[in-house]
């Protein structure tokens, strides 16, 4: 598996950010070709302090080649263009091969 981890800086208007991400951006990202896994969450800290990032998203594909093709697709370009509509505070994207230590199971 190959993974994109996107972490977003704290926005000026957190409620508007989450509304746009949930109602628009996540729906675009969910349509990326050949995605095997996609999730996102608003970041928290266990001690109640402000976390380093506001929101994190994880997207996985079978391979780096699949990720590159998916992100270069029309939907990928749409997702990148949409970031200008809500991610004004900034976003870091990290890419890499996934090493599974504890596999997911059906509970």
PDB file of N, CA and C in Angstrom:
ATOM      1  N   UNK A   1       0.830  -1.179   0.000  1.00  0.00           N
ATOM      2  CA  UNK A   1       0.000   0.000   0.000  1.00  0.00           C
ATOM      3  C   UNK A   1       0.879   1.249   0.000  1.00  0.00           C
ATOM      4  N   UNK A   2       0.369   2.291  -0.648  1.00  0.00           N
ATOM      5  CA  UNK A   2       1.048   3.576  -0.704  1.00  0.00           C
ATOM      6  C   UNK A   2       0.087   4.615  -0.152  1.00  0.00           C
ATOM      7  N   UNK A   3       0.603   5.525   0.667  1.00  0.00           N
ATOM      8  CA  UNK A   3      -0.281   6.400   1.424  1.00  0.00           C
ATOM      9  C   UNK A   3       0.059   7.874   1.278  1.00  0.00           C
ATOM     10  N   UNK A   4      -0.985   8.682   1.216  1.00  0.00           N
ATOM     11  CA  UNK A   4      -0.911  10.130   1.342  1.00  0.00           C
ATOM     12  C   UNK A   4      -1.489  10.482   2.700  1.00  0.00           C
ATOM     13  N   UNK A   5      -0.730  11.207   3.499  1.00  0.00           N
ATOM     14  CA  UNK A   5      -1.232  11.763   4.750  1.00  0.00           C
ATOM     15  C   UNK A   5      -1.216  13.271   4.582  1.00  0.00           C
ATOM     16  N   UNK A   6      -2.394  13.893   4.671  1.00  0.00           N
ATOM     17  CA  UNK A   6      -2.508  15.345   4.561  1.00  0.00           C
ATOM     18  C   UNK A   6      -2.855  15.906   5.928  1.00  0.00           C
ATOM     19  N   UNK A   7      -2.098  16.892   6.379  1.00  0.00           N
ATOM     20  CA  UNK A   7      -2.369  17.544   7.658  1.00  0.00           C
ATOM     21  C   UNK A   7      -2.575  19.034   7.407  1.00  0.00           C
ATOM     22  N   UNK A   8      -3.657  19.536   7.949  1.00  0.00           N
ATOM     23  CA  UNK A   8      -4.075  20.913   7.710  1.00  0.00           C
ATOM     24  C   UNK A   8      -3.833  21.774   8.934  1.00  0.00           C
ATOM     25  N   UNK A   9      -3.324  22.990   8.705  1.00  0.00           N
ATOM     26  CA  UNK A   9      -3.092  23.956   9.774  1.00  0.00           C
ATOM     27  C   UNK A   9      -4.432  24.473  10.306  1.00  0.00           C
ATOM     28  N   UNK A  10      -4.376  25.046  11.491  1.00  0.00           N
ATOM     29  CA  UNK A  10      -5.584  25.575  12.127  1.00  0.00           C
ATOM     30  C   UNK A  10      -6.131  26.759  11.320  1.00  0.00           C
ATOM     31  N   UNK A  11      -7.399  26.663  10.893  1.00  0.00           N
ATOM     32  CA  UNK A  11      -8.001  27.726  10.089  1.00  0.00           C
ATOM     33  C   UNK A  11      -8.537  28.862  10.961  1.00  0.00           C
ATOM     34  N   UNK A  12      -8.820  29.989  10.338  1.00  0.00           N
ATOM     35  CA  UNK A  12      -9.418  31.101  11.048  1.00  0.00           C
ATOM     36  C   UNK A  12     -10.846  30.809  11.490  1.00  0.00           C
ATOM     37  N   UNK A  13     -11.571  30.037  10.672  1.00  0.00           N
ATOM     38  CA  UNK A  13     -12.964  29.690  10.970  1.00  0.00           C
ATOM     39  C   UNK A  13     -13.101  28.166  10.950  1.00  0.00           C
ATOM     40  N   UNK A  14     -12.869  27.516  12.088  1.00  0.00           N
ATOM     41  CA  UNK A  14     -12.897  26.052  12.128  1.00  0.00           C
ATOM     42  C   UNK A  14     -14.222  25.439  11.665  1.00  0.00           C
ATOM     43  N   UNK A  15     -15.345  26.046  12.034  1.00  0.00           N
ATOM     44  CA  UNK A  15     -16.643  25.483  11.642  1.00  0.00           C
ATOM     45  C   UNK A  15     -16.833  25.515  10.136  1.00  0.00           C
ATOM     46  N   UNK A  16     -16.466  26.622   9.504  1.00  0.00           N
ATOM     47  CA  UNK A  16     -16.578  26.720   8.047  1.00  0.00           C
ATOM     48  C   UNK A  16     -15.637  25.731   7.366  1.00  0.00           C
ATOM     49  N   UNK A  17     -14.440  25.566   7.931  1.00  0.00           N
ATOM     50  CA  UNK A  17     -13.473  24.619   7.373  1.00  0.00           C
ATOM     51  C   UNK A  17     -14.058  23.206   7.381  1.00  0.00           C
ATOM     52  N   UNK A  18     -14.556  22.762   8.532  1.00  0.00           N
ATOM     53  CA  UNK A  18     -15.101  21.405   8.639  1.00  0.00           C
ATOM     54  C   UNK A  18     -16.307  21.241   7.724  1.00  0.00           C
ATOM     55  N   UNK A  19     -17.168  22.240   7.663  1.00  0.00           N
ATOM     56  CA  UNK A  19     -18.341  22.152   6.790  1.00  0.00           C
ATOM     57  C   UNK A  19     -17.921  21.977   5.333  1.00  0.00           C
ATOM     58  N   UNK A  20     -16.947  22.758   4.890  1.00  0.00           N
ATOM     59  CA  UNK A  20     -16.496  22.630   3.500  1.00  0.00           C
ATOM     60  C   UNK A  20     -15.811  21.284   3.279  1.00  0.00           C
ATOM     61  N   UNK A  21     -14.938  20.908   4.208  1.00  0.00           N
ATOM     62  CA  UNK A  21     -14.232  19.639   4.044  1.00  0.00           C
ATOM     63  C   UNK A  21     -15.230  18.489   3.970  1.00  0.00           C
ATOM     64  N   UNK A  22     -16.152  18.419   4.911  1.00  0.00           N
ATOM     65  CA  UNK A  22     -17.127  17.325   4.991  1.00  0.00           C
ATOM     66  C   UNK A  22     -18.064  17.321   3.784  1.00  0.00           C
ATOM     67  N   UNK A  23     -18.607  18.498   3.436  1.00  0.00           N
ATOM     68  CA  UNK A  23     -19.673  18.572   2.435  1.00  0.00           C
ATOM     69  C   UNK A  23     -19.176  18.657   0.998  1.00  0.00           C
ATOM     70  N   UNK A  24     -17.926  19.068   0.796  1.00  0.00           N
ATOM     71  CA  UNK A  24     -17.418  19.222  -0.579  1.00  0.00           C
ATOM     72  C   UNK A  24     -16.128  18.446  -0.819  1.00  0.00           C
ATOM     73  N   UNK A  25     -15.073  18.795  -0.080  1.00  0.00           N
ATOM     74  CA  UNK A  25     -13.761  18.216  -0.379  1.00  0.00           C
ATOM     75  C   UNK A  25     -13.732  16.702  -0.183  1.00  0.00           C
ATOM     76  N   UNK A  26     -14.277  16.224   0.916  1.00  0.00           N
ATOM     77  CA  UNK A  26     -14.267  14.776   1.168  1.00  0.00           C
ATOM     78  C   UNK A  26     -15.042  14.022   0.100  1.00  0.00           C
ATOM     79  N   UNK A  27     -16.093  14.625  -0.412  1.00  0.00           N
ATOM     80  CA  UNK A  27     -16.878  13.968  -1.463  1.00  0.00           C
ATOM     81  C   UNK A  27     -16.093  13.886  -2.769  1.00  0.00           C
ATOM     82  N   UNK A  28     -15.293  14.904  -3.054  1.00  0.00           N
ATOM     83  CA  UNK A  28     -14.421  14.854  -4.232  1.00  0.00           C
ATOM     84  C   UNK A  28     -13.349  13.787  -4.023  1.00  0.00           C
ATOM     85  N   UNK A  29     -12.664  13.838  -2.875  1.00  0.00           N
ATOM     86  CA  UNK A  29     -11.560  12.910  -2.598  1.00  0.00           C
ATOM     87  C   UNK A  29     -12.039  11.460  -2.598  1.00  0.00           C
ATOM     88  N   UNK A  30     -13.255  11.216  -2.174  1.00  0.00           N
ATOM     89  CA  UNK A  30     -13.795   9.851  -2.152  1.00  0.00           C
ATOM     90  C   UNK A  30     -13.953   9.275  -3.554  1.00  0.00           C
ATOM     91  N   UNK A  31     -13.918  10.129  -4.565  1.00  0.00           N
ATOM     92  CA  UNK A  31     -14.061   9.680  -5.952  1.00  0.00           C
ATOM     93  C   UNK A  31     -12.723   9.485  -6.660  1.00  0.00           C
ATOM     94  N   UNK A  32     -11.609   9.697  -5.957  1.00  0.00           N
ATOM     95  CA  UNK A  32     -10.304   9.483  -6.586  1.00  0.00           C
ATOM     96  C   UNK A  32     -10.215   8.053  -7.115  1.00  0.00           C
ATOM     97  N   UNK A  33      -9.729   7.872  -8.328  1.00  0.00           N
ATOM     98  CA  UNK A  33      -9.634   6.527  -8.894  1.00  0.00           C
ATOM     99  C   UNK A  33      -8.727   5.602  -8.076  1.00  0.00           C
ATOM    100  N   UNK A  34      -9.144   4.365  -7.943  1.00  0.00           N
ATOM    101  CA  UNK A  34      -8.354   3.276  -7.368  1.00  0.00           C
ATOM    102  C   UNK A  34      -7.984   3.449  -5.900  1.00  0.00           C
ATOM    103  N   UNK A  35      -8.679   4.318  -5.170  1.00  0.00           N
ATOM    104  CA  UNK A  35      -8.420   4.478  -3.739  1.00  0.00           C
ATOM    105  C   UNK A  35      -8.888   3.228  -3.011  1.00  0.00           C
ATOM    106  N   UNK A  36      -8.057   2.717  -2.110  1.00  0.00           N
ATOM    107  CA  UNK A  36      -8.382   1.534  -1.308  1.00  0.00           C
ATOM    108  C   UNK A  36      -8.882   1.896   0.078  1.00  0.00           C
ATOM    109  N   UNK A  37      -8.492   3.090   0.563  1.00  0.00           N
ATOM    110  CA  UNK A  37      -8.877   3.530   1.903  1.00  0.00           C
ATOM    111  C   UNK A  37      -8.807   5.046   1.944  1.00  0.00           C
ATOM    112  N   UNK A  38      -9.776   5.665   2.608  1.00  0.00           N
ATOM    113  CA  UNK A  38      -9.763   7.113   2.804  1.00  0.00           C
ATOM    114  C   UNK A  38     -10.494   7.419   4.105  1.00  0.00           C
ATOM    115  N   UNK A  39      -9.853   8.154   4.991  1.00  0.00           N
ATOM    116  CA  UNK A  39     -10.550   8.655   6.177  1.00  0.00           C
ATOM    117  C   UNK A  39      -9.976   9.999   6.566  1.00  0.00           C
ATOM    118  N   UNK A  40     -10.702  10.703   7.406  1.00  0.00           N
ATOM    119  CA  UNK A  40     -10.244  11.995   7.898  1.00  0.00           C
ATOM    120  C   UNK A  40     -10.794  12.213   9.298  1.00  0.00           C
ATOM    121  N   UNK A  41     -10.118  13.089  10.032  1.00  0.00           N
ATOM    122  CA  UNK A  41     -10.580  13.408  11.380  1.00  0.00           C
ATOM    123  C   UNK A  41     -10.075  14.778  11.801  1.00  0.00           C
ATOM    124  N   UNK A  42     -10.861  15.435  12.652  1.00  0.00           N
ATOM    125  CA  UNK A  42     -10.414  16.654  13.298  1.00  0.00           C
ATOM    126  C   UNK A  42      -9.488  16.206  14.424  1.00  0.00           C
ATOM    127  N   UNK A  43      -8.315  16.804  14.487  1.00  0.00           N
ATOM    128  CA  UNK A  43      -7.296  16.377  15.448  1.00  0.00           C
ATOM    129  C   UNK A  43      -7.647  16.805  16.870  1.00  0.00           C
ATOM    130  N   UNK A  44      -7.266  15.963  17.813  1.00  0.00           N
ATOM    131  CA  UNK A  44      -7.421  16.225  19.243  1.00  0.00           C
ATOM    132  C   UNK A  44      -6.117  15.869  19.930  1.00  0.00           C
ATOM    133  N   UNK A  45      -5.989  16.319  21.172  1.00  0.00           N
ATOM    134  CA  UNK A  45      -4.874  15.874  21.995  1.00  0.00           C
ATOM    135  C   UNK A  45      -5.461  15.210  23.231  1.00  0.00           C
ATOM    136  N   UNK A  46      -4.752  14.274  23.791  1.00  0.00           N
ATOM    137  CA  UNK A  46      -5.253  13.556  24.956  1.00  0.00           C
ATOM    138  C   UNK A  46      -5.323  14.433  26.200  1.00  0.00           C
ATOM    139  N   UNK A  47      -4.477  15.466  26.261  1.00  0.00           N
ATOM    140  CA  UNK A  47      -4.458  16.324  27.449  1.00  0.00           C
ATOM    141  C   UNK A  47      -5.265  17.612  27.289  1.00  0.00           C
ATOM    142  N   UNK A  48      -5.958  17.773  26.160  1.00  0.00           N
ATOM    143  CA  UNK A  48      -6.788  18.953  25.943  1.00  0.00           C
ATOM    144  C   UNK A  48      -6.058  20.154  25.374  1.00  0.00           C
ATOM    145  N   UNK A  49      -4.751  20.047  25.187  1.00  0.00           N
ATOM    146  CA  UNK A  49      -4.000  21.154  24.588  1.00  0.00           C
ATOM    147  C   UNK A  49      -4.302  21.217  23.084  1.00  0.00           C
ATOM    148  N   UNK A  50      -3.942  22.314  22.478  1.00  0.00           N
ATOM    149  CA  UNK A  50      -4.167  22.478  21.041  1.00  0.00           C
ATOM    150  C   UNK A  50      -3.208  21.582  20.274  1.00  0.00           C
ATOM    151  N   UNK A  51      -3.736  20.705  19.422  1.00  0.00           N
ATOM    152  CA  UNK A  51      -2.847  19.831  18.645  1.00  0.00           C
ATOM    153  C   UNK A  51      -2.085  20.618  17.579  1.00  0.00           C
ATOM    154  N   UNK A  52      -1.036  20.029  17.072  1.00  0.00           N
ATOM    155  CA  UNK A  52      -0.204  20.692  16.066  1.00  0.00           C
ATOM    156  C   UNK A  52      -0.979  20.979  14.782  1.00  0.00           C
ATOM    157  N   UNK A  53      -1.923  20.123  14.436  1.00  0.00           N
ATOM    158  CA  UNK A  53      -2.698  20.279  13.212  1.00  0.00           C
ATOM    159  C   UNK A  53      -4.185  20.265  13.529  1.00  0.00           C
ATOM    160  N   UNK A  54      -4.978  20.869  12.650  1.00  0.00           N
ATOM    161  CA  UNK A  54      -6.421  20.937  12.849  1.00  0.00           C
ATOM    162  C   UNK A  54      -7.123  19.678  12.341  1.00  0.00           C
ATOM    163  N   UNK A  55      -6.758  19.220  11.159  1.00  0.00           N
ATOM    164  CA  UNK A  55      -7.415  18.071  10.538  1.00  0.00           C
ATOM    165  C   UNK A  55      -6.371  17.231   9.823  1.00  0.00           C
ATOM    166  N   UNK A  56      -6.589  15.930   9.825  1.00  0.00           N
ATOM    167  CA  UNK A  56      -5.695  15.008   9.113  1.00  0.00           C
ATOM    168  C   UNK A  56      -6.538  14.080   8.255  1.00  0.00           C
ATOM    169  N   UNK A  57      -6.006  13.733   7.098  1.00  0.00           N
ATOM    170  CA  UNK A  57      -6.670  12.801   6.189  1.00  0.00           C
ATOM    171  C   UNK A  57      -5.654  11.781   5.702  1.00  0.00           C
ATOM    172  N   UNK A  58      -6.127  10.559   5.504  1.00  0.00           N
ATOM    173  CA  UNK A  58      -5.280   9.480   5.005  1.00  0.00           C
ATOM    174  C   UNK A  58      -5.959   8.874   3.780  1.00  0.00           C
ATOM    175  N   UNK A  59      -5.181   8.745   2.712  1.00  0.00           N
ATOM    176  CA  UNK A  59      -5.667   8.122   1.475  1.00  0.00           C
ATOM    177  C   UNK A  59      -4.650   7.062   1.079  1.00  0.00           C
ATOM    178  N   UNK A  60      -5.142   5.860   0.737  1.00  0.00           N
ATOM    179  CA  UNK A  60      -4.236   4.769   0.361  1.00  0.00           C
ATOM    180  C   UNK A  60      -4.605   4.173  -0.999  1.00  0.00           C
ATOM    181  N   UNK A  61      -3.551   3.781  -1.712  1.00  0.00           N
ATOM    182  CA  UNK A  61      -3.668   3.089  -2.996  1.00  0.00           C
ATOM    183  C   UNK A  61      -2.810   1.831  -2.937  1.00  0.00           C
ATOM    184  N   UNK A  62      -2.941   0.969  -3.920  1.00  0.00           N
ATOM    185  CA  UNK A  62      -2.151  -0.262  -3.977  1.00  0.00           C
ATOM    186  C   UNK A  62      -0.661  -0.001  -4.195  1.00  0.00           C
ATOM    187  N   UNK A  63      -0.334   1.100  -4.884  1.00  0.00           N
ATOM    188  CA  UNK A  63       1.066   1.364  -5.228  1.00  0.00           C
ATOM    189  C   UNK A  63       1.290   2.856  -5.429  1.00  0.00           C
ATOM    190  N   UNK A  64       2.559   3.243  -5.470  1.00  0.00           N
ATOM    191  CA  UNK A  64       2.916   4.630  -5.759  1.00  0.00           C
ATOM    192  C   UNK A  64       2.420   5.023  -7.139  1.00  0.00           C
ATOM    193  N   UNK A  65       2.558   4.117  -8.089  1.00  0.00           N
ATOM    194  CA  UNK A  65       2.117   4.397  -9.457  1.00  0.00           C
ATOM    195  C   UNK A  65       0.618   4.670  -9.508  1.00  0.00           C
ATOM    196  N   UNK A  66      -0.149   3.894  -8.748  1.00  0.00           N
ATOM    197  CA  UNK A  66      -1.605   4.105  -8.697  1.00  0.00           C
ATOM    198  C   UNK A  66      -1.928   5.456  -8.066  1.00  0.00           C
ATOM    199  N   UNK A  67      -1.171   5.836  -7.024  1.00  0.00           N
ATOM    200  CA  UNK A  67      -1.386   7.132  -6.369  1.00  0.00           C
ATOM    201  C   UNK A  67      -1.094   8.279  -7.329  1.00  0.00           C
ATOM    202  N   UNK A  68       0.025   8.198  -8.028  1.00  0.00           N
ATOM    203  CA  UNK A  68       0.406   9.250  -8.970  1.00  0.00           C
ATOM    204  C   UNK A  68      -0.653   9.392 -10.065  1.00  0.00           C
ATOM    205  N   UNK A  69      -1.106   8.272 -10.612  1.00  0.00           N
ATOM    206  CA  UNK A  69      -2.130   8.313 -11.656  1.00  0.00           C
ATOM    207  C   UNK A  69      -3.447   8.883 -11.111  1.00  0.00           C
ATOM    208  N   UNK A  70      -3.822   8.470  -9.916  1.00  0.00           N
ATOM    209  CA  UNK A  70      -5.063   8.935  -9.309  1.00  0.00           C
ATOM    210  C   UNK A  70      -5.028  10.431  -9.041  1.00  0.00           C
ATOM    211  N   UNK A  71      -3.936  10.895  -8.454  1.00  0.00           N
ATOM    212  CA  UNK A  71      -3.822  12.313  -8.149  1.00  0.00           C
ATOM    213  C   UNK A  71      -3.705  13.170  -9.402  1.00  0.00           C
ATOM    214  N   UNK A  72      -3.220  12.596 -10.485  1.00  0.00           N
ATOM    215  CA  UNK A  72      -3.106  13.315 -11.748  1.00  0.00           C
ATOM    216  C   UNK A  72      -4.368  13.271 -12.596  1.00  0.00           C
ATOM    217  N   UNK A  73      -5.356  12.512 -12.145  1.00  0.00           N
ATOM    218  CA  UNK A  73      -6.611  12.390 -12.880  1.00  0.00           C
ATOM    219  C   UNK A  73      -7.425  13.680 -12.781  1.00  0.00           C
ATOM    220  N   UNK A  74      -8.515  13.735 -13.526  1.00  0.00           N
ATOM    221  CA  UNK A  74      -9.403  14.884 -13.446  1.00  0.00           C
ATOM    222  C   UNK A  74      -9.931  15.104 -12.032  1.00  0.00           C
ATOM    223  N   UNK A  75     -10.289  14.032 -11.356  1.00  0.00           N
ATOM    224  CA  UNK A  75     -10.775  14.146  -9.975  1.00  0.00           C
ATOM    225  C   UNK A  75      -9.648  14.628  -9.065  1.00  0.00           C
ATOM    226  N   UNK A  76      -8.443  14.119  -9.271  1.00  0.00           N
ATOM    227  CA  UNK A  76      -7.304  14.565  -8.473  1.00  0.00           C
ATOM    228  C   UNK A  76      -7.050  16.049  -8.652  1.00  0.00           C
ATOM    229  N   UNK A  77      -7.125  16.512  -9.885  1.00  0.00           N
ATOM    230  CA  UNK A  77      -6.924  17.930 -10.160  1.00  0.00           C
ATOM    231  C   UNK A  77      -8.038  18.767  -9.542  1.00  0.00           C
ATOM    232  N   UNK A  78      -9.256  18.237  -9.535  1.00  0.00           N
ATOM    233  CA  UNK A  78     -10.380  18.927  -8.906  1.00  0.00           C
ATOM    234  C   UNK A  78     -10.156  19.044  -7.394  1.00  0.00           C
ATOM    235  N   UNK A  79      -9.663  17.966  -6.773  1.00  0.00           N
ATOM    236  CA  UNK A  79      -9.403  17.983  -5.333  1.00  0.00           C
ATOM    237  C   UNK A  79      -8.327  19.008  -4.990  1.00  0.00           C
ATOM    238  N   UNK A  80      -7.264  19.050  -5.770  1.00  0.00           N
ATOM    239  CA  UNK A  80      -6.187  20.015  -5.531  1.00  0.00           C
ATOM    240  C   UNK A  80      -6.719  21.441  -5.699  1.00  0.00           C
ATOM    241  N   UNK A  81      -7.490  21.688  -6.744  1.00  0.00           N
ATOM    242  CA  UNK A  81      -8.040  23.026  -6.982  1.00  0.00           C
ATOM    243  C   UNK A  81      -8.980  23.452  -5.850  1.00  0.00           C
ATOM    244  N   UNK A  82      -9.718  22.507  -5.286  1.00  0.00           N
ATOM    245  CA  UNK A  82     -10.669  22.827  -4.216  1.00  0.00           C
ATOM    246  C   UNK A  82      -9.969  23.289  -2.945  1.00  0.00           C
ATOM    247  N   UNK A  83      -8.734  22.913  -2.752  1.00  0.00           N
ATOM    248  CA  UNK A  83      -8.023  23.299  -1.533  1.00  0.00           C
ATOM    249  C   UNK A  83      -7.957  24.815  -1.359  1.00  0.00           C
ATOM    250  N   UNK A  84      -7.963  25.560  -2.454  1.00  0.00           N
ATOM    251  CA  UNK A  84      -7.948  27.025  -2.376  1.00  0.00           C
ATOM    252  C   UNK A  84      -9.224  27.565  -1.733  1.00  0.00           C
ATOM    253  N   UNK A  85     -10.271  26.740  -1.682  1.00  0.00           N
ATOM    254  CA  UNK A  85     -11.550  27.170  -1.125  1.00  0.00           C
ATOM    255  C   UNK A  85     -11.656  27.026   0.388  1.00  0.00           C
ATOM    256  N   UNK A  86     -10.708  26.335   1.023  1.00  0.00           N
ATOM    257  CA  UNK A  86     -10.849  26.119   2.460  1.00  0.00           C
ATOM    258  C   UNK A  86      -9.518  26.010   3.221  1.00  0.00           C
ATOM    259  N   UNK A  87      -8.429  25.719   2.556  1.00  0.00           N
ATOM    260  CA  UNK A  87      -7.159  25.432   3.242  1.00  0.00           C
ATOM    261  C   UNK A  87      -6.215  26.628   3.215  1.00  0.00           C
ATOM    262  N   UNK A  88      -6.758  27.810   3.464  1.00  0.00           N
ATOM    263  CA  UNK A  88      -5.941  29.024   3.396  1.00  0.00           C
ATOM    264  C   UNK A  88      -4.832  29.050   4.437  1.00  0.00           C
ATOM    265  N   UNK A  89      -4.990  28.330   5.534  1.00  0.00           N
ATOM    266  CA  UNK A  89      -3.963  28.305   6.585  1.00  0.00           C
ATOM    267  C   UNK A  89      -2.800  27.384   6.232  1.00  0.00           C
ATOM    268  N   UNK A  90      -2.994  26.516   5.237  1.00  0.00           N
ATOM    269  CA  UNK A  90      -1.920  25.648   4.790  1.00  0.00           C
ATOM    270  C   UNK A  90      -2.191  24.167   4.995  1.00  0.00           C
ATOM    271  N   UNK A  91      -1.503  23.377   4.215  1.00  0.00           N
ATOM    272  CA  UNK A  91      -1.631  21.920   4.262  1.00  0.00           C
ATOM    273  C   UNK A  91      -0.279  21.314   3.916  1.00  0.00           C
ATOM    274  N   UNK A  92       0.118  20.314   4.691  1.00  0.00           N
ATOM    275  CA  UNK A  92       1.321  19.537   4.368  1.00  0.00           C
ATOM    276  C   UNK A  92       0.865  18.176   3.880  1.00  0.00           C
ATOM    277  N   UNK A  93       1.504  17.679   2.839  1.00  0.00           N
ATOM    278  CA  UNK A  93       1.195  16.347   2.328  1.00  0.00           C
ATOM    279  C   UNK A  93       2.445  15.488   2.437  1.00  0.00           C
ATOM    280  N   UNK A  94       2.263  14.310   3.015  1.00  0.00           N
ATOM    281  CA  UNK A  94       3.353  13.362   3.191  1.00  0.00           C
ATOM    282  C   UNK A  94       2.980  12.075   2.467  1.00  0.00           C
ATOM    283  N   UNK A  95       3.931  11.510   1.738  1.00  0.00           N
ATOM    284  CA  UNK A  95       3.708  10.307   0.950  1.00  0.00           C
ATOM    285  C   UNK A  95       4.661   9.206   1.389  1.00  0.00           C
ATOM    286  N   UNK A  96       4.214   7.964   1.320  1.00  0.00           N
ATOM    287  CA  UNK A  96       5.124   6.876   1.624  1.00  0.00           C
ATOM    288  C   UNK A  96       4.481   5.512   1.560  1.00  0.00           C
ATOM    289  N   UNK A  97       5.344   4.520   1.490  1.00  0.00           N
ATOM    290  CA  UNK A  97       4.930   3.118   1.507  1.00  0.00           C
ATOM    291  C   UNK A  97       4.476   2.771   2.912  1.00  0.00           C
ATOM    292  N   UNK A  98       3.378   2.051   3.018  1.00  0.00           N
ATOM    293  CA  UNK A  98       2.797   1.681   4.309  1.00  0.00           C
ATOM    294  C   UNK A  98       3.445   0.404   4.825  1.00  0.00           C
ATOM    295  N   UNK A  99       3.846   0.407   6.077  1.00  0.00           N
ATOM    296  CA  UNK A  99       4.317  -0.795   6.765  1.00  0.00           C
ATOM    297  C   UNK A  99       3.251  -1.151   7.793  1.00  0.00           C
ATOM    298  N   UNK A 100       2.589  -2.268   7.610  1.00  0.00           N
ATOM    299  CA  UNK A 100       1.532  -2.690   8.525  1.00  0.00           C
ATOM    300  C   UNK A 100       2.168  -3.450   9.690  1.00  0.00           C
ATOM    301  N   UNK A 101       1.908  -2.970  10.889  1.00  0.00           N
ATOM    302  CA  UNK A 101       2.417  -3.616  12.098  1.00  0.00           C
ATOM    303  C   UNK A 101       1.323  -4.463  12.748  1.00  0.00           C
ATOM    304  N   UNK A 102       0.122  -3.878  12.844  1.00  0.00           N
ATOM    305  CA  UNK A 102      -1.037  -4.599  13.368  1.00  0.00           C
ATOM    306  C   UNK A 102      -2.125  -4.488  12.308  1.00  0.00           C
ATOM    307  N   UNK A 103      -2.493  -5.564  11.673  1.00  0.00           N
ATOM    308  CA  UNK A 103      -3.484  -5.480  10.601  1.00  0.00           C
ATOM    309  C   UNK A 103      -4.889  -5.194  11.146  1.00  0.00           C
ATOM    310  N   UNK A 104      -5.678  -4.515  10.335  1.00  0.00           N
ATOM    311  CA  UNK A 104      -7.075  -4.279  10.684  1.00  0.00           C
ATOM    312  C   UNK A 104      -7.822  -5.611  10.658  1.00  0.00           C
ATOM    313  N   UNK A 105      -8.760  -5.744  11.560  1.00  0.00           N
ATOM    314  CA  UNK A 105      -9.573  -6.960  11.606  1.00  0.00           C
ATOM    315  C   UNK A 105     -11.033  -6.586  11.698  1.00  0.00           C
ATOM    316  N   UNK A 106     -11.867  -7.508  11.346  1.00  0.00           N
ATOM    317  CA  UNK A 106     -13.305  -7.304  11.500  1.00  0.00           C
ATOM    318  C   UNK A 106     -13.691  -7.680  12.915  1.00  0.00           C
ATOM    319  N   UNK A 107     -14.271  -6.745  13.626  1.00  0.00           N
ATOM    320  CA  UNK A 107     -14.664  -6.996  15.025  1.00  0.00           C
ATOM    321  C   UNK A 107     -16.072  -7.533  15.105  1.00  0.00           C
TER     322      UNK A 107
END
